[in-house]
Amino acid sequence: MPIKQSAIKELRKTKKRTSRNRSTKSNIKDALKKVTKALQSKNIEAARAAAIEAVKILDKAAARHVIHHNKAARKKSRVFAAIKKAGA
């Protein structure tokens, strides 16, 4: 355990940030799972709607530096590529 006051405060901040980042990453996974389930059930319209929601979550996470912006771009690209492939 930290002894100095500044180290104690940093520990508090780290715990808060870790919790926030963990919930954001969980939301990303849930949104991407929704897209995958919609694609598996051959429901293209539902997949598109879920993809728009997933993109919104990914962009927010990248803007807040929870994930790298290239990772967000990669995931968005793969989602839309899968929708395009399923629609063809």
PDB file of N, CA and C in Angstrom:
ATOM      1  N   MET A   1       0.839  -1.185   0.000  1.00  0.00           N
ATOM      2  CA  MET A   1       0.000   0.000   0.000  1.00  0.00           C
ATOM      3  C   MET A   1       0.886   1.250   0.000  1.00  0.00           C
ATOM      4  N   PRO A   2       0.419   2.271  -0.739  1.00  0.00           N
ATOM      5  CA  PRO A   2       1.200   3.510  -0.762  1.00  0.00           C
ATOM      6  C   PRO A   2       1.161   4.241   0.574  1.00  0.00           C
ATOM      7  N   ILE A   3       2.214   4.976   0.825  1.00  0.00           N
ATOM      8  CA  ILE A   3       2.319   5.699   2.088  1.00  0.00           C
ATOM      9  C   ILE A   3       2.132   7.200   1.860  1.00  0.00           C
ATOM     10  N   LYS A   4       2.773   7.733   0.825  1.00  0.00           N
ATOM     11  CA  LYS A   4       2.673   9.162   0.553  1.00  0.00           C
ATOM     12  C   LYS A   4       1.265   9.536   0.083  1.00  0.00           C
ATOM     13  N   GLN A   5       0.865  10.729   0.409  1.00  0.00           N
ATOM     14  CA  GLN A   5      -0.488  11.194   0.077  1.00  0.00           C
ATOM     15  C   GLN A   5      -0.725  11.207  -1.433  1.00  0.00           C
ATOM     16  N   SER A   6       0.283  11.628  -2.182  1.00  0.00           N
ATOM     17  CA  SER A   6       0.132  11.688  -3.642  1.00  0.00           C
ATOM     18  C   SER A   6      -0.026  10.282  -4.226  1.00  0.00           C
ATOM     19  N   ALA A   7       0.693   9.313  -3.648  1.00  0.00           N
ATOM     20  CA  ALA A   7       0.583   7.934  -4.128  1.00  0.00           C
ATOM     21  C   ALA A   7      -0.784   7.359  -3.790  1.00  0.00           C
ATOM     22  N   ILE A   8      -1.332   7.733  -2.650  1.00  0.00           N
ATOM     23  CA  ILE A   8      -2.666   7.278  -2.258  1.00  0.00           C
ATOM     24  C   ILE A   8      -3.707   7.821  -3.239  1.00  0.00           C
ATOM     25  N   LYS A   9      -3.558   9.103  -3.595  1.00  0.00           N
ATOM     26  CA  LYS A   9      -4.488   9.716  -4.534  1.00  0.00           C
ATOM     27  C   LYS A   9      -4.364   9.058  -5.915  1.00  0.00           C
ATOM     28  N   GLU A  10      -3.145   8.793  -6.356  1.00  0.00           N
ATOM     29  CA  GLU A  10      -2.940   8.138  -7.647  1.00  0.00           C
ATOM     30  C   GLU A  10      -3.600   6.753  -7.671  1.00  0.00           C
ATOM     31  N   LEU A  11      -3.529   6.045  -6.567  1.00  0.00           N
ATOM     32  CA  LEU A  11      -4.153   4.729  -6.486  1.00  0.00           C
ATOM     33  C   LEU A  11      -5.665   4.847  -6.632  1.00  0.00           C
ATOM     34  N   ARG A  12      -6.261   5.861  -5.977  1.00  0.00           N
ATOM     35  CA  ARG A  12      -7.703   6.107  -6.106  1.00  0.00           C
ATOM     36  C   ARG A  12      -8.070   6.393  -7.561  1.00  0.00           C
ATOM     37  N   LYS A  13      -7.274   7.240  -8.209  1.00  0.00           N
ATOM     38  CA  LYS A  13      -7.538   7.602  -9.601  1.00  0.00           C
ATOM     39  C   LYS A  13      -7.407   6.393 -10.518  1.00  0.00           C
ATOM     40  N   THR A  14      -6.399   5.578 -10.263  1.00  0.00           N
ATOM     41  CA  THR A  14      -6.181   4.392 -11.086  1.00  0.00           C
ATOM     42  C   THR A  14      -7.347   3.422 -10.974  1.00  0.00           C
ATOM     43  N   LYS A  15      -7.836   3.229  -9.757  1.00  0.00           N
ATOM     44  CA  LYS A  15      -8.977   2.325  -9.562  1.00  0.00           C
ATOM     45  C   LYS A  15     -10.213   2.829 -10.308  1.00  0.00           C
ATOM     46  N   LYS A  16     -10.446   4.127 -10.230  1.00  0.00           N
ATOM     47  CA  LYS A  16     -11.603   4.719 -10.903  1.00  0.00           C
ATOM     48  C   LYS A  16     -11.485   4.573 -12.418  1.00  0.00           C
ATOM     49  N   ARG A  17     -10.295   4.864 -12.946  1.00  0.00           N
ATOM     50  CA  ARG A  17     -10.066   4.766 -14.394  1.00  0.00           C
ATOM     51  C   ARG A  17     -10.175   3.323 -14.876  1.00  0.00           C
ATOM     52  N   THR A  18      -9.612   2.406 -14.091  1.00  0.00           N
ATOM     53  CA  THR A  18      -9.657   0.994 -14.456  1.00  0.00           C
ATOM     54  C   THR A  18     -11.096   0.518 -14.539  1.00  0.00           C
ATOM     55  N   SER A  19     -11.895   0.906 -13.576  1.00  0.00           N
ATOM     56  CA  SER A  19     -13.304   0.536 -13.565  1.00  0.00           C
ATOM     57  C   SER A  19     -14.028   1.087 -14.785  1.00  0.00           C
ATOM     58  N   ARG A  20     -13.787   2.348 -15.093  1.00  0.00           N
ATOM     59  CA  ARG A  20     -14.431   2.993 -16.244  1.00  0.00           C
ATOM     60  C   ARG A  20     -14.004   2.336 -17.553  1.00  0.00           C
ATOM     61  N   ASN A  21     -12.709   2.077 -17.691  1.00  0.00           N
ATOM     62  CA  ASN A  21     -12.198   1.455 -18.912  1.00  0.00           C
ATOM     63  C   ASN A  21     -12.744   0.041 -19.068  1.00  0.00           C
ATOM     64  N   ARG A  22     -12.827  -0.679 -17.975  1.00  0.00           N
ATOM     65  CA  ARG A  22     -13.327  -2.051 -18.027  1.00  0.00           C
ATOM     66  C   ARG A  22     -14.782  -2.074 -18.498  1.00  0.00           C
ATOM     67  N   SER A  23     -15.597  -1.154 -17.992  1.00  0.00           N
ATOM     68  CA  SER A  23     -16.998  -1.129 -18.400  1.00  0.00           C
ATOM     69  C   SER A  23     -17.130  -0.719 -19.863  1.00  0.00           C
ATOM     70  N   THR A  24     -16.293   0.196 -20.317  1.00  0.00           N
ATOM     71  CA  THR A  24     -16.328   0.613 -21.726  1.00  0.00           C
ATOM     72  C   THR A  24     -15.947  -0.539 -22.635  1.00  0.00           C
ATOM     73  N   LYS A  25     -14.906  -1.276 -22.272  1.00  0.00           N
ATOM     74  CA  LYS A  25     -14.487  -2.420 -23.076  1.00  0.00           C
ATOM     75  C   LYS A  25     -15.561  -3.499 -23.094  1.00  0.00           C
ATOM     76  N   SER A  26     -16.244  -3.660 -21.982  1.00  0.00           N
ATOM     77  CA  SER A  26     -17.345  -4.617 -21.916  1.00  0.00           C
ATOM     78  C   SER A  26     -18.478  -4.194 -22.846  1.00  0.00           C
ATOM     79  N   ASN A  27     -18.783  -2.898 -22.873  1.00  0.00           N
ATOM     80  CA  ASN A  27     -19.815  -2.389 -23.770  1.00  0.00           C
ATOM     81  C   ASN A  27     -19.450  -2.616 -25.231  1.00  0.00           C
ATOM     82  N   ILE A  28     -18.166  -2.465 -25.549  1.00  0.00           N
ATOM     83  CA  ILE A  28     -17.700  -2.710 -26.916  1.00  0.00           C
ATOM     84  C   ILE A  28     -17.942  -4.169 -27.290  1.00  0.00           C
ATOM     85  N   LYS A  29     -17.549  -5.069 -26.404  1.00  0.00           N
ATOM     86  CA  LYS A  29     -17.724  -6.499 -26.676  1.00  0.00           C
ATOM     87  C   LYS A  29     -19.194  -6.845 -26.855  1.00  0.00           C
ATOM     88  N   ASP A  30     -20.053  -6.285 -26.001  1.00  0.00           N
ATOM     89  CA  ASP A  30     -21.486  -6.558 -26.103  1.00  0.00           C
ATOM     90  C   ASP A  30     -22.048  -6.060 -27.430  1.00  0.00           C
ATOM     91  N   ALA A  31     -21.636  -4.868 -27.841  1.00  0.00           N
ATOM     92  CA  ALA A  31     -22.130  -4.298 -29.093  1.00  0.00           C
ATOM     93  C   ALA A  31     -21.691  -5.143 -30.286  1.00  0.00           C
ATOM     94  N   LEU A  32     -20.447  -5.610 -30.266  1.00  0.00           N
ATOM     95  CA  LEU A  32     -19.953  -6.436 -31.372  1.00  0.00           C
ATOM     96  C   LEU A  32     -20.623  -7.804 -31.380  1.00  0.00           C
ATOM     97  N   LYS A  33     -20.955  -8.318 -30.205  1.00  0.00           N
ATOM     98  CA  LYS A  33     -21.674  -9.597 -30.131  1.00  0.00           C
ATOM     99  C   LYS A  33     -23.073  -9.466 -30.711  1.00  0.00           C
ATOM    100  N   LYS A  34     -23.719  -8.308 -30.490  1.00  0.00           N
ATOM    101  CA  LYS A  34     -25.049  -8.075 -31.062  1.00  0.00           C
ATOM    102  C   LYS A  34     -24.996  -8.147 -32.579  1.00  0.00           C
ATOM    103  N   VAL A  35     -23.973  -7.537 -33.161  1.00  0.00           N
ATOM    104  CA  VAL A  35     -23.806  -7.555 -34.612  1.00  0.00           C
ATOM    105  C   VAL A  35     -23.613  -8.993 -35.086  1.00  0.00           C
ATOM    106  N   THR A  36     -22.757  -9.726 -34.396  1.00  0.00           N
ATOM    107  CA  THR A  36     -22.467 -11.107 -34.784  1.00  0.00           C
ATOM    108  C   THR A  36     -23.716 -11.976 -34.714  1.00  0.00           C
ATOM    109  N   LYS A  37     -24.495 -11.824 -33.640  1.00  0.00           N
ATOM    110  CA  LYS A  37     -25.720 -12.618 -33.503  1.00  0.00           C
ATOM    111  C   LYS A  37     -26.717 -12.281 -34.591  1.00  0.00           C
ATOM    112  N   ALA A  38     -26.837 -11.014 -34.934  1.00  0.00           N
ATOM    113  CA  ALA A  38     -27.753 -10.616 -36.004  1.00  0.00           C
ATOM    114  C   ALA A  38     -27.306 -11.195 -37.336  1.00  0.00           C
ATOM    115  N   LEU A  39     -26.003 -11.227 -37.566  1.00  0.00           N
ATOM    116  CA  LEU A  39     -25.489 -11.807 -38.810  1.00  0.00           C
ATOM    117  C   LEU A  39     -25.712 -13.320 -38.853  1.00  0.00           C
ATOM    118  N   GLN A  40     -25.552 -13.967 -37.710  1.00  0.00           N
ATOM    119  CA  GLN A  40     -25.759 -15.416 -37.665  1.00  0.00           C
ATOM    120  C   GLN A  40     -27.212 -15.791 -37.914  1.00  0.00           C
ATOM    121  N   SER A  41     -28.129 -14.914 -37.499  1.00  0.00           N
ATOM    122  CA  SER A  41     -29.550 -15.187 -37.728  1.00  0.00           C
ATOM    123  C   SER A  41     -30.016 -14.645 -39.078  1.00  0.00           C
ATOM    124  N   LYS A  42     -29.067 -14.207 -39.911  1.00  0.00           N
ATOM    125  CA  LYS A  42     -29.322 -13.716 -41.270  1.00  0.00           C
ATOM    126  C   LYS A  42     -30.227 -12.481 -41.294  1.00  0.00           C
ATOM    127  N   ASN A  43     -30.203 -11.706 -40.236  1.00  0.00           N
ATOM    128  CA  ASN A  43     -31.006 -10.491 -40.149  1.00  0.00           C
ATOM    129  C   ASN A  43     -30.104  -9.296 -40.450  1.00  0.00           C
ATOM    130  N   ILE A  44     -30.054  -8.912 -41.722  1.00  0.00           N
ATOM    131  CA  ILE A  44     -29.119  -7.879 -42.164  1.00  0.00           C
ATOM    132  C   ILE A  44     -29.498  -6.501 -41.600  1.00  0.00           C
ATOM    133  N   GLU A  45     -30.798  -6.195 -41.581  1.00  0.00           N
ATOM    134  CA  GLU A  45     -31.230  -4.885 -41.079  1.00  0.00           C
ATOM    135  C   GLU A  45     -30.881  -4.711 -39.597  1.00  0.00           C
ATOM    136  N   ALA A  46     -31.098  -5.755 -38.818  1.00  0.00           N
ATOM    137  CA  ALA A  46     -30.749  -5.690 -37.391  1.00  0.00           C
ATOM    138  C   ALA A  46     -29.238  -5.569 -37.219  1.00  0.00           C
ATOM    139  N   ALA A  47     -28.493  -6.241 -38.093  1.00  0.00           N
ATOM    140  CA  ALA A  47     -27.029  -6.169 -38.038  1.00  0.00           C
ATOM    141  C   ALA A  47     -26.559  -4.752 -38.333  1.00  0.00           C
ATOM    142  N   ARG A  48     -27.191  -4.106 -39.318  1.00  0.00           N
ATOM    143  CA  ARG A  48     -26.812  -2.731 -39.649  1.00  0.00           C
ATOM    144  C   ARG A  48     -27.103  -1.780 -38.488  1.00  0.00           C
ATOM    145  N   ALA A  49     -28.263  -1.959 -37.868  1.00  0.00           N
ATOM    146  CA  ALA A  49     -28.619  -1.105 -36.733  1.00  0.00           C
ATOM    147  C   ALA A  49     -27.653  -1.323 -35.572  1.00  0.00           C
ATOM    148  N   ALA A  50     -27.313  -2.586 -35.318  1.00  0.00           N
ATOM    149  CA  ALA A  50     -26.367  -2.897 -34.248  1.00  0.00           C
ATOM    150  C   ALA A  50     -24.973  -2.373 -34.586  1.00  0.00           C
ATOM    151  N   ALA A  51     -24.622  -2.396 -35.866  1.00  0.00           N
ATOM    152  CA  ALA A  51     -23.309  -1.914 -36.290  1.00  0.00           C
ATOM    153  C   ALA A  51     -23.186  -0.408 -36.067  1.00  0.00           C
ATOM    154  N   ILE A  52     -24.257   0.317 -36.328  1.00  0.00           N
ATOM    155  CA  ILE A  52     -24.227   1.771 -36.111  1.00  0.00           C
ATOM    156  C   ILE A  52     -24.009   2.070 -34.632  1.00  0.00           C
ATOM    157  N   GLU A  53     -24.683   1.310 -33.773  1.00  0.00           N
ATOM    158  CA  GLU A  53     -24.511   1.485 -32.327  1.00  0.00           C
ATOM    159  C   GLU A  53     -23.078   1.115 -31.911  1.00  0.00           C
ATOM    160  N   ALA A  54     -22.544   0.036 -32.493  1.00  0.00           N
ATOM    161  CA  ALA A  54     -21.184  -0.403 -32.168  1.00  0.00           C
ATOM    162  C   ALA A  54     -20.156   0.640 -32.597  1.00  0.00           C
ATOM    163  N   VAL A  55     -20.369   1.243 -33.760  1.00  0.00           N
ATOM    164  CA  VAL A  55     -19.449   2.271 -34.255  1.00  0.00           C
ATOM    165  C   VAL A  55     -19.441   3.465 -33.309  1.00  0.00           C
ATOM    166  N   LYS A  56     -20.612   3.829 -32.830  1.00  0.00           N
ATOM    167  CA  LYS A  56     -20.716   4.949 -31.897  1.00  0.00           C
ATOM    168  C   LYS A  56     -19.904   4.668 -30.627  1.00  0.00           C
ATOM    169  N   ILE A  57     -20.053   3.455 -30.106  1.00  0.00           N
ATOM    170  CA  ILE A  57     -19.337   3.071 -28.883  1.00  0.00           C
ATOM    171  C   ILE A  57     -17.827   3.025 -29.139  1.00  0.00           C
ATOM    172  N   LEU A  58     -17.426   2.452 -30.285  1.00  0.00           N
ATOM    173  CA  LEU A  58     -16.006   2.368 -30.623  1.00  0.00           C
ATOM    174  C   LEU A  58     -15.388   3.757 -30.773  1.00  0.00           C
ATOM    175  N   ASP A  59     -16.104   4.660 -31.433  1.00  0.00           N
ATOM    176  CA  ASP A  59     -15.575   6.019 -31.621  1.00  0.00           C
ATOM    177  C   ASP A  59     -15.407   6.746 -30.291  1.00  0.00           C
ATOM    178  N   LYS A  60     -16.381   6.577 -29.397  1.00  0.00           N
ATOM    179  CA  LYS A  60     -16.276   7.215 -28.084  1.00  0.00           C
ATOM    180  C   LYS A  60     -15.093   6.655 -27.301  1.00  0.00           C
ATOM    181  N   ALA A  61     -14.919   5.332 -27.360  1.00  0.00           N
ATOM    182  CA  ALA A  61     -13.819   4.704 -26.637  1.00  0.00           C
ATOM    183  C   ALA A  61     -12.473   5.180 -27.177  1.00  0.00           C
ATOM    184  N   ALA A  62     -12.380   5.310 -28.503  1.00  0.00           N
ATOM    185  CA  ALA A  62     -11.132   5.782 -29.106  1.00  0.00           C
ATOM    186  C   ALA A  62     -10.879   7.245 -28.743  1.00  0.00           C
ATOM    187  N   ALA A  63     -11.924   8.047 -28.716  1.00  0.00           N
ATOM    188  CA  ALA A  63     -11.772   9.466 -28.382  1.00  0.00           C
ATOM    189  C   ALA A  63     -11.317   9.643 -26.940  1.00  0.00           C
ATOM    190  N   ARG A  64     -11.752   8.743 -26.073  1.00  0.00           N
ATOM    191  CA  ARG A  64     -11.383   8.830 -24.657  1.00  0.00           C
ATOM    192  C   ARG A  64     -10.123   8.034 -24.335  1.00  0.00           C
ATOM    193  N   HIS A  65      -9.455   7.540 -25.356  1.00  0.00           N
ATOM    194  CA  HIS A  65      -8.194   6.794 -25.224  1.00  0.00           C
ATOM    195  C   HIS A  65      -8.343   5.511 -24.414  1.00  0.00           C
ATOM    196  N   VAL A  66      -9.514   4.915 -24.465  1.00  0.00           N
ATOM    197  CA  VAL A  66      -9.686   3.612 -23.823  1.00  0.00           C
ATOM    198  C   VAL A  66      -9.076   2.551 -24.733  1.00  0.00           C
ATOM    199  N   ILE A  67      -9.304   2.705 -26.042  1.00  0.00           N
ATOM    200  CA  ILE A  67      -8.660   1.842 -27.033  1.00  0.00           C
ATOM    201  C   ILE A  67      -7.969   2.754 -28.049  1.00  0.00           C
ATOM    202  N   HIS A  68      -7.032   2.197 -28.789  1.00  0.00           N
ATOM    203  CA  HIS A  68      -6.313   2.951 -29.803  1.00  0.00           C
ATOM    204  C   HIS A  68      -7.233   3.229 -30.983  1.00  0.00           C
ATOM    205  N   HIS A  69      -7.060   4.373 -31.627  1.00  0.00           N
ATOM    206  CA  HIS A  69      -7.956   4.724 -32.729  1.00  0.00           C
ATOM    207  C   HIS A  69      -7.829   3.770 -33.904  1.00  0.00           C
ATOM    208  N   ASN A  70      -6.645   3.196 -34.111  1.00  0.00           N
ATOM    209  CA  ASN A  70      -6.481   2.219 -35.186  1.00  0.00           C
ATOM    210  C   ASN A  70      -7.242   0.930 -34.873  1.00  0.00           C
ATOM    211  N   LYS A  71      -7.297   0.557 -33.611  1.00  0.00           N
ATOM    212  CA  LYS A  71      -8.049  -0.632 -33.214  1.00  0.00           C
ATOM    213  C   LYS A  71      -9.535  -0.410 -33.466  1.00  0.00           C
ATOM    214  N   ALA A  72     -10.013   0.784 -33.145  1.00  0.00           N
ATOM    215  CA  ALA A  72     -11.418   1.107 -33.404  1.00  0.00           C
ATOM    216  C   ALA A  72     -11.706   1.050 -34.898  1.00  0.00           C
ATOM    217  N   ALA A  73     -10.815   1.602 -35.697  1.00  0.00           N
ATOM    218  CA  ALA A  73     -10.988   1.596 -37.149  1.00  0.00           C
ATOM    219  C   ALA A  73     -10.988   0.170 -37.696  1.00  0.00           C
ATOM    220  N   ARG A  74     -10.104  -0.656 -37.175  1.00  0.00           N
ATOM    221  CA  ARG A  74     -10.024  -2.049 -37.621  1.00  0.00           C
ATOM    222  C   ARG A  74     -11.306  -2.797 -37.307  1.00  0.00           C
ATOM    223  N   LYS A  75     -11.818  -2.612 -36.097  1.00  0.00           N
ATOM    224  CA  LYS A  75     -13.044  -3.307 -35.704  1.00  0.00           C
ATOM    225  C   LYS A  75     -14.240  -2.837 -36.526  1.00  0.00           C
ATOM    226  N   LYS A  76     -14.328  -1.532 -36.768  1.00  0.00           N
ATOM    227  CA  LYS A  76     -15.417  -1.002 -37.590  1.00  0.00           C
ATOM    228  C   LYS A  76     -15.345  -1.569 -39.002  1.00  0.00           C
ATOM    229  N   SER A  77     -14.148  -1.605 -39.553  1.00  0.00           N
ATOM    230  CA  SER A  77     -13.956  -2.118 -40.905  1.00  0.00           C
ATOM    231  C   SER A  77     -14.387  -3.579 -41.008  1.00  0.00           C
ATOM    232  N   ARG A  78     -14.015  -4.369 -40.016  1.00  0.00           N
ATOM    233  CA  ARG A  78     -14.362  -5.789 -40.037  1.00  0.00           C
ATOM    234  C   ARG A  78     -15.863  -6.002 -39.885  1.00  0.00           C
ATOM    235  N   VAL A  79     -16.515  -5.176 -39.075  1.00  0.00           N
ATOM    236  CA  VAL A  79     -17.963  -5.284 -38.895  1.00  0.00           C
ATOM    237  C   VAL A  79     -18.675  -5.018 -40.210  1.00  0.00           C
ATOM    238  N   PHE A  80     -18.313  -3.919 -40.883  1.00  0.00           N
ATOM    239  CA  PHE A  80     -18.991  -3.581 -42.123  1.00  0.00           C
ATOM    240  C   PHE A  80     -18.641  -4.542 -43.242  1.00  0.00           C
ATOM    241  N   ALA A  81     -17.429  -5.083 -43.232  1.00  0.00           N
ATOM    242  CA  ALA A  81     -17.061  -6.084 -44.229  1.00  0.00           C
ATOM    243  C   ALA A  81     -17.912  -7.348 -44.043  1.00  0.00           C
ATOM    244  N   ALA A  82     -18.146  -7.743 -42.801  1.00  0.00           N
ATOM    245  CA  ALA A  82     -18.966  -8.921 -42.526  1.00  0.00           C
ATOM    246  C   ALA A  82     -20.408  -8.687 -42.951  1.00  0.00           C
ATOM    247  N   ILE A  83     -20.924  -7.472 -42.716  1.00  0.00           N
ATOM    248  CA  ILE A  83     -22.295  -7.151 -43.141  1.00  0.00           C
ATOM    249  C   ILE A  83     -22.398  -7.165 -44.664  1.00  0.00           C
ATOM    250  N   LYS A  84     -21.405  -6.597 -45.321  1.00  0.00           N
ATOM    251  CA  LYS A  84     -21.401  -6.569 -46.768  1.00  0.00           C
ATOM    252  C   LYS A  84     -21.353  -7.982 -47.357  1.00  0.00           C
ATOM    253  N   LYS A  85     -20.525  -8.826 -46.741  1.00  0.00           N
ATOM    254  CA  LYS A  85     -20.395 -10.209 -47.198  1.00  0.00           C
ATOM    255  C   LYS A  85     -21.705 -10.968 -46.989  1.00  0.00           C
ATOM    256  N   ALA A  86     -22.362 -10.743 -45.853  1.00  0.00           N
ATOM    257  CA  ALA A  86     -23.622 -11.429 -45.563  1.00  0.00           C
ATOM    258  C   ALA A  86     -24.739 -10.952 -46.484  1.00  0.00           C
ATOM    259  N   GLY A  87     -24.684  -9.680 -46.866  1.00  0.00           N
ATOM    260  CA  GLY A  87     -25.728  -9.129 -47.717  1.00  0.00           C
ATOM    261  C   GLY A  87     -25.606  -9.572 -49.158  1.00  0.00           C
ATOM    262  N   ALA A  88     -24.408  -9.966 -49.560  1.00  0.00           N
ATOM    263  CA  ALA A  88     -24.179 -10.346 -50.967  1.00  0.00           C
ATOM    264  C   ALA A  88     -24.712 -11.733 -51.285  1.00  0.00           C
TER     265      ALA A  88
END
